[in-house]
Amino acid sequence: MSLLAAGLLVTAYALGMIVGGPVVTVVTARLARKPLIVGLIAVSLAGNLGSAVAPNYPVLLVARFVAGLVVATFFAVAIATAVSTAATRPDRAPGSSGWSSGARSGPRFRGPPRPVGA
């Protein structure tokens, strides 16, 4: 696979996030969180499994787009759920805030993840 073809796969995933984030969030705004999270995970799983078994490049490109569609909404719902859980259970607040800030700032301070043994 060429570098251009690999770059298009990354772009397809990113476009899925950019297009899917607002659209999926608006469409699913009135759904209960638990079934919504399960549905978002199912769509993500389908897109990633489709990527793994894609018989050709166009199918792989579409599967990468589908996998990216639900990522932004999933993280928004997950963070909102963590915050609401922390608000009702003060003993859980430090853990949820640590996860949220660590997920965003970890790569900034430590750098991107490195392969094992590097």
N, C-alpha and C. Protein backbone atom coordinates (compact mmCIF):
# COMPACT_ATOMS: atom_id res chain seq x y z
N MET A 1 0.85 -1.17 0.00
CA MET A 1 0.00 0.00 0.00
C MET A 1 0.90 1.23 0.00
N SER A 2 0.52 2.19 -0.81
CA SER A 2 1.31 3.41 -0.91
C SER A 2 1.04 4.33 0.28
N LEU A 3 1.91 5.28 0.45
CA LEU A 3 1.75 6.26 1.51
C LEU A 3 0.48 7.09 1.29
N LEU A 4 0.20 7.40 0.06
CA LEU A 4 -1.02 8.15 -0.27
C LEU A 4 -2.27 7.36 0.10
N ALA A 5 -2.28 6.07 -0.21
CA ALA A 5 -3.45 5.23 0.12
C ALA A 5 -3.64 5.13 1.63
N ALA A 6 -2.55 4.99 2.37
CA ALA A 6 -2.64 4.93 3.83
C ALA A 6 -3.12 6.26 4.39
N GLY A 7 -2.65 7.36 3.82
CA GLY A 7 -3.09 8.68 4.26
C GLY A 7 -4.58 8.90 4.01
N LEU A 8 -5.09 8.36 2.91
CA LEU A 8 -6.52 8.46 2.63
C LEU A 8 -7.35 7.70 3.66
N LEU A 9 -6.82 6.60 4.16
CA LEU A 9 -7.53 5.84 5.20
C LEU A 9 -7.64 6.66 6.49
N VAL A 10 -6.57 7.34 6.84
CA VAL A 10 -6.59 8.21 8.02
C VAL A 10 -7.55 9.37 7.79
N THR A 11 -7.53 9.92 6.59
CA THR A 11 -8.43 11.02 6.26
C THR A 11 -9.88 10.58 6.29
N ALA A 12 -10.18 9.38 5.81
CA ALA A 12 -11.56 8.87 5.84
C ALA A 12 -12.06 8.77 7.27
N TYR A 13 -11.22 8.27 8.18
CA TYR A 13 -11.59 8.17 9.59
C TYR A 13 -11.84 9.57 10.17
N ALA A 14 -10.94 10.51 9.87
CA ALA A 14 -11.08 11.88 10.39
C ALA A 14 -12.33 12.55 9.83
N LEU A 15 -12.62 12.35 8.55
CA LEU A 15 -13.83 12.92 7.97
C LEU A 15 -15.08 12.31 8.61
N GLY A 16 -15.01 11.02 8.92
CA GLY A 16 -16.12 10.39 9.63
C GLY A 16 -16.35 11.07 10.97
N MET A 17 -15.27 11.38 11.68
CA MET A 17 -15.40 12.07 12.96
C MET A 17 -15.98 13.47 12.78
N ILE A 18 -15.48 14.20 11.80
CA ILE A 18 -15.92 15.57 11.59
C ILE A 18 -17.37 15.63 11.14
N VAL A 19 -17.75 14.76 10.23
CA VAL A 19 -19.12 14.73 9.74
C VAL A 19 -20.03 14.08 10.78
N GLY A 20 -19.59 12.97 11.33
CA GLY A 20 -20.43 12.20 12.24
C GLY A 20 -20.63 12.84 13.59
N GLY A 21 -19.65 13.54 14.10
CA GLY A 21 -19.76 14.14 15.42
C GLY A 21 -21.02 14.97 15.60
N PRO A 22 -21.16 16.03 14.83
CA PRO A 22 -22.36 16.86 15.00
C PRO A 22 -23.65 16.15 14.59
N VAL A 23 -23.61 15.41 13.49
CA VAL A 23 -24.83 14.77 12.99
C VAL A 23 -25.33 13.70 13.96
N VAL A 24 -24.44 12.80 14.37
CA VAL A 24 -24.84 11.72 15.28
C VAL A 24 -25.27 12.30 16.62
N THR A 25 -24.60 13.33 17.10
CA THR A 25 -24.96 13.94 18.37
C THR A 25 -26.36 14.54 18.32
N VAL A 26 -26.68 15.25 17.26
CA VAL A 26 -28.00 15.87 17.13
C VAL A 26 -29.08 14.80 16.99
N VAL A 27 -28.81 13.78 16.19
CA VAL A 27 -29.81 12.73 15.95
C VAL A 27 -30.08 11.92 17.22
N THR A 28 -29.07 11.72 18.04
CA THR A 28 -29.22 10.86 19.22
C THR A 28 -29.35 11.63 20.53
N ALA A 29 -29.55 12.93 20.47
CA ALA A 29 -29.55 13.76 21.68
C ALA A 29 -30.61 13.37 22.70
N ARG A 30 -31.72 12.84 22.28
CA ARG A 30 -32.81 12.52 23.21
C ARG A 30 -32.79 11.07 23.69
N LEU A 31 -31.82 10.30 23.25
CA LEU A 31 -31.76 8.90 23.68
C LEU A 31 -31.14 8.79 25.07
N ALA A 32 -31.51 7.73 25.77
CA ALA A 32 -30.91 7.45 27.08
C ALA A 32 -29.44 7.09 26.87
N ARG A 33 -28.61 7.43 27.84
CA ARG A 33 -27.16 7.27 27.69
C ARG A 33 -26.72 5.81 27.54
N LYS A 34 -27.25 4.93 28.37
CA LYS A 34 -26.76 3.55 28.33
C LYS A 34 -27.00 2.88 26.97
N PRO A 35 -28.24 2.90 26.44
CA PRO A 35 -28.43 2.29 25.12
C PRO A 35 -27.67 3.03 24.02
N LEU A 36 -27.51 4.34 24.18
CA LEU A 36 -26.75 5.11 23.20
C LEU A 36 -25.30 4.66 23.16
N ILE A 37 -24.69 4.52 24.33
CA ILE A 37 -23.30 4.07 24.38
C ILE A 37 -23.16 2.68 23.77
N VAL A 38 -24.08 1.80 24.08
CA VAL A 38 -24.03 0.44 23.50
C VAL A 38 -24.14 0.51 21.98
N GLY A 39 -25.06 1.35 21.47
CA GLY A 39 -25.21 1.49 20.03
C GLY A 39 -23.98 2.09 19.37
N LEU A 40 -23.38 3.08 20.00
CA LEU A 40 -22.18 3.70 19.45
C LEU A 40 -21.02 2.70 19.42
N ILE A 41 -20.90 1.90 20.46
CA ILE A 41 -19.86 0.88 20.47
C ILE A 41 -20.11 -0.15 19.37
N ALA A 42 -21.38 -0.51 19.15
CA ALA A 42 -21.71 -1.48 18.10
C ALA A 42 -21.34 -0.94 16.72
N VAL A 43 -21.62 0.33 16.46
CA VAL A 43 -21.26 0.92 15.16
C VAL A 43 -19.74 0.97 15.01
N SER A 44 -19.06 1.36 16.07
CA SER A 44 -17.60 1.40 16.03
C SER A 44 -17.02 0.00 15.78
N LEU A 45 -17.57 -0.98 16.47
CA LEU A 45 -17.12 -2.36 16.29
C LEU A 45 -17.36 -2.82 14.86
N ALA A 46 -18.53 -2.51 14.31
CA ALA A 46 -18.84 -2.89 12.93
C ALA A 46 -17.85 -2.25 11.95
N GLY A 47 -17.56 -0.97 12.15
CA GLY A 47 -16.61 -0.30 11.27
C GLY A 47 -15.21 -0.87 11.38
N ASN A 48 -14.78 -1.17 12.59
CA ASN A 48 -13.43 -1.74 12.77
C ASN A 48 -13.34 -3.18 12.27
N LEU A 49 -14.39 -3.97 12.50
CA LEU A 49 -14.40 -5.33 11.95
C LEU A 49 -14.45 -5.29 10.43
N GLY A 50 -15.23 -4.35 9.89
CA GLY A 50 -15.26 -4.18 8.44
C GLY A 50 -13.90 -3.82 7.89
N SER A 51 -13.17 -3.00 8.63
CA SER A 51 -11.80 -2.65 8.22
C SER A 51 -10.90 -3.87 8.22
N ALA A 52 -11.07 -4.71 9.22
CA ALA A 52 -10.20 -5.88 9.36
C ALA A 52 -10.43 -6.92 8.26
N VAL A 53 -11.66 -7.02 7.80
CA VAL A 53 -11.97 -8.08 6.82
C VAL A 53 -12.26 -7.52 5.42
N ALA A 54 -11.97 -6.26 5.19
CA ALA A 54 -12.27 -5.64 3.90
C ALA A 54 -11.56 -6.38 2.77
N PRO A 55 -12.32 -6.77 1.75
CA PRO A 55 -11.71 -7.52 0.65
C PRO A 55 -10.95 -6.63 -0.33
N ASN A 56 -11.22 -5.32 -0.32
CA ASN A 56 -10.54 -4.42 -1.24
C ASN A 56 -10.46 -3.02 -0.63
N TYR A 57 -9.74 -2.16 -1.32
CA TYR A 57 -9.49 -0.82 -0.78
C TYR A 57 -10.75 0.04 -0.65
N PRO A 58 -11.66 0.07 -1.62
CA PRO A 58 -12.86 0.90 -1.44
C PRO A 58 -13.70 0.49 -0.22
N VAL A 59 -13.83 -0.80 0.02
CA VAL A 59 -14.57 -1.27 1.19
C VAL A 59 -13.84 -0.85 2.46
N LEU A 60 -12.52 -0.95 2.46
CA LEU A 60 -11.72 -0.52 3.61
C LEU A 60 -11.90 0.97 3.87
N LEU A 61 -11.94 1.77 2.81
CA LEU A 61 -12.11 3.21 2.95
C LEU A 61 -13.47 3.55 3.58
N VAL A 62 -14.52 2.88 3.13
CA VAL A 62 -15.86 3.10 3.69
C VAL A 62 -15.92 2.63 5.14
N ALA A 63 -15.30 1.49 5.43
CA ALA A 63 -15.31 0.97 6.80
C ALA A 63 -14.58 1.92 7.75
N ARG A 64 -13.50 2.52 7.30
CA ARG A 64 -12.78 3.49 8.14
C ARG A 64 -13.65 4.72 8.41
N PHE A 65 -14.40 5.17 7.39
CA PHE A 65 -15.31 6.30 7.56
C PHE A 65 -16.38 5.96 8.59
N VAL A 66 -16.97 4.77 8.47
CA VAL A 66 -18.02 4.33 9.41
C VAL A 66 -17.46 4.24 10.83
N ALA A 67 -16.26 3.72 10.97
CA ALA A 67 -15.64 3.61 12.29
C ALA A 67 -15.45 4.98 12.93
N GLY A 68 -15.17 5.99 12.14
CA GLY A 68 -14.96 7.33 12.68
C GLY A 68 -16.24 8.08 12.99
N LEU A 69 -17.37 7.65 12.42
CA LEU A 69 -18.63 8.39 12.58
C LEU A 69 -19.04 8.61 14.03
N VAL A 70 -18.81 7.64 14.88
CA VAL A 70 -19.37 7.68 16.23
C VAL A 70 -18.37 8.09 17.32
N VAL A 71 -17.13 8.31 16.96
CA VAL A 71 -16.09 8.56 17.96
C VAL A 71 -16.36 9.83 18.77
N ALA A 72 -16.65 10.93 18.11
CA ALA A 72 -16.86 12.20 18.82
C ALA A 72 -18.05 12.11 19.76
N THR A 73 -19.14 11.52 19.28
CA THR A 73 -20.33 11.40 20.13
C THR A 73 -20.05 10.47 21.30
N PHE A 74 -19.33 9.38 21.06
CA PHE A 74 -19.02 8.45 22.14
C PHE A 74 -18.24 9.14 23.25
N PHE A 75 -17.20 9.89 22.90
CA PHE A 75 -16.41 10.56 23.93
C PHE A 75 -17.21 11.64 24.64
N ALA A 76 -18.05 12.36 23.91
CA ALA A 76 -18.89 13.37 24.56
C ALA A 76 -19.83 12.74 25.57
N VAL A 77 -20.47 11.64 25.20
CA VAL A 77 -21.40 10.96 26.11
C VAL A 77 -20.63 10.33 27.27
N ALA A 78 -19.48 9.74 26.99
CA ALA A 78 -18.69 9.11 28.06
C ALA A 78 -18.23 10.15 29.09
N ILE A 79 -17.77 11.30 28.63
CA ILE A 79 -17.31 12.34 29.55
C ILE A 79 -18.49 12.91 30.33
N ALA A 80 -19.63 13.13 29.65
CA ALA A 80 -20.82 13.63 30.35
C ALA A 80 -21.29 12.63 31.41
N THR A 81 -21.21 11.35 31.10
CA THR A 81 -21.60 10.32 32.05
C THR A 81 -20.65 10.31 33.24
N ALA A 82 -19.36 10.43 32.98
CA ALA A 82 -18.38 10.46 34.07
C ALA A 82 -18.58 11.67 34.97
N VAL A 83 -18.85 12.81 34.37
CA VAL A 83 -19.07 14.04 35.15
C VAL A 83 -20.33 13.92 35.99
N SER A 84 -21.41 13.39 35.40
CA SER A 84 -22.65 13.27 36.17
C SER A 84 -22.51 12.23 37.27
N THR A 85 -21.73 11.19 37.03
CA THR A 85 -21.48 10.19 38.07
C THR A 85 -20.67 10.82 39.21
N ALA A 86 -19.68 11.61 38.85
CA ALA A 86 -18.86 12.26 39.87
C ALA A 86 -19.68 13.27 40.67
N ALA A 87 -20.64 13.92 40.01
CA ALA A 87 -21.47 14.91 40.71
C ALA A 87 -22.38 14.26 41.74
N THR A 88 -22.84 13.04 41.47
CA THR A 88 -23.71 12.35 42.42
C THR A 88 -22.93 11.55 43.44
N ARG A 89 -21.68 11.27 43.15
CA ARG A 89 -20.83 10.51 44.08
C ARG A 89 -19.51 11.25 44.25
N PRO A 90 -19.41 12.15 45.21
CA PRO A 90 -18.19 12.94 45.39
C PRO A 90 -16.93 12.10 45.58
N ASP A 91 -17.07 10.88 46.09
CA ASP A 91 -15.89 10.03 46.28
C ASP A 91 -15.28 9.60 44.94
N ARG A 92 -16.03 9.72 43.84
CA ARG A 92 -15.51 9.32 42.52
C ARG A 92 -14.98 10.50 41.71
N ALA A 93 -15.15 11.69 42.17
CA ALA A 93 -14.75 12.88 41.41
C ALA A 93 -13.26 12.90 41.05
N PRO A 94 -12.34 12.63 41.98
CA PRO A 94 -10.93 12.69 41.60
C PRO A 94 -10.56 11.72 40.48
N GLY A 95 -11.13 10.53 40.50
CA GLY A 95 -10.82 9.55 39.46
C GLY A 95 -11.32 9.96 38.09
N SER A 96 -12.55 10.48 38.03
CA SER A 96 -13.10 10.85 36.73
C SER A 96 -12.41 12.08 36.17
N SER A 97 -12.07 13.05 37.01
CA SER A 97 -11.39 14.23 36.49
C SER A 97 -9.96 13.87 36.08
N GLY A 98 -9.34 12.97 36.81
CA GLY A 98 -7.99 12.54 36.44
C GLY A 98 -7.96 11.83 35.11
N TRP A 99 -8.97 10.98 34.86
CA TRP A 99 -9.02 10.26 33.59
C TRP A 99 -9.21 11.24 32.45
N SER A 100 -10.13 12.18 32.63
CA SER A 100 -10.44 13.13 31.56
C SER A 100 -9.23 14.01 31.24
N SER A 101 -8.60 14.57 32.25
CA SER A 101 -7.46 15.45 31.99
C SER A 101 -6.25 14.65 31.54
N GLY A 102 -6.09 13.44 32.05
CA GLY A 102 -4.95 12.61 31.64
C GLY A 102 -5.06 12.16 30.20
N ALA A 103 -6.27 11.87 29.74
CA ALA A 103 -6.46 11.43 28.36
C ALA A 103 -6.13 12.55 27.39
N ARG A 104 -6.38 13.80 27.80
CA ARG A 104 -6.09 14.93 26.92
C ARG A 104 -4.66 15.41 27.03
N SER A 105 -4.09 15.42 28.22
CA SER A 105 -2.78 16.04 28.39
C SER A 105 -1.63 15.05 28.43
N GLY A 106 -1.90 13.77 28.57
CA GLY A 106 -0.83 12.79 28.64
C GLY A 106 0.12 12.84 27.45
N PRO A 107 -0.39 12.77 26.23
CA PRO A 107 0.51 12.83 25.08
C PRO A 107 1.26 14.14 24.98
N ARG A 108 0.68 15.21 25.50
CA ARG A 108 1.32 16.52 25.43
C ARG A 108 2.58 16.55 26.29
N PHE A 109 2.53 15.94 27.47
CA PHE A 109 3.66 16.00 28.39
C PHE A 109 4.65 14.86 28.19
N ARG A 110 4.16 13.71 27.83
CA ARG A 110 5.02 12.54 27.72
C ARG A 110 5.38 12.23 26.27
N GLY A 111 4.64 12.74 25.34
CA GLY A 111 4.85 12.46 23.93
C GLY A 111 3.93 11.33 23.50
N PRO A 112 3.87 11.07 22.20
CA PRO A 112 2.99 10.00 21.72
C PRO A 112 3.47 8.64 22.20
N PRO A 113 2.58 7.65 22.25
CA PRO A 113 2.99 6.32 22.69
C PRO A 113 4.08 5.77 21.77
N ARG A 114 5.00 5.05 22.36
CA ARG A 114 6.09 4.44 21.59
C ARG A 114 5.89 2.93 21.52
N PRO A 115 6.39 2.31 20.45
CA PRO A 115 6.29 0.85 20.37
C PRO A 115 7.04 0.19 21.53
N VAL A 116 6.59 -0.98 21.92
CA VAL A 116 7.24 -1.71 23.00
C VAL A 116 8.68 -2.01 22.60
N GLY A 117 9.61 -1.74 23.49
CA GLY A 117 11.01 -2.03 23.24
C GLY A 117 11.74 -0.88 22.55
N ALA A 118 11.03 0.22 22.25
CA ALA A 118 11.69 1.34 21.55
C ALA A 118 12.38 2.26 22.54
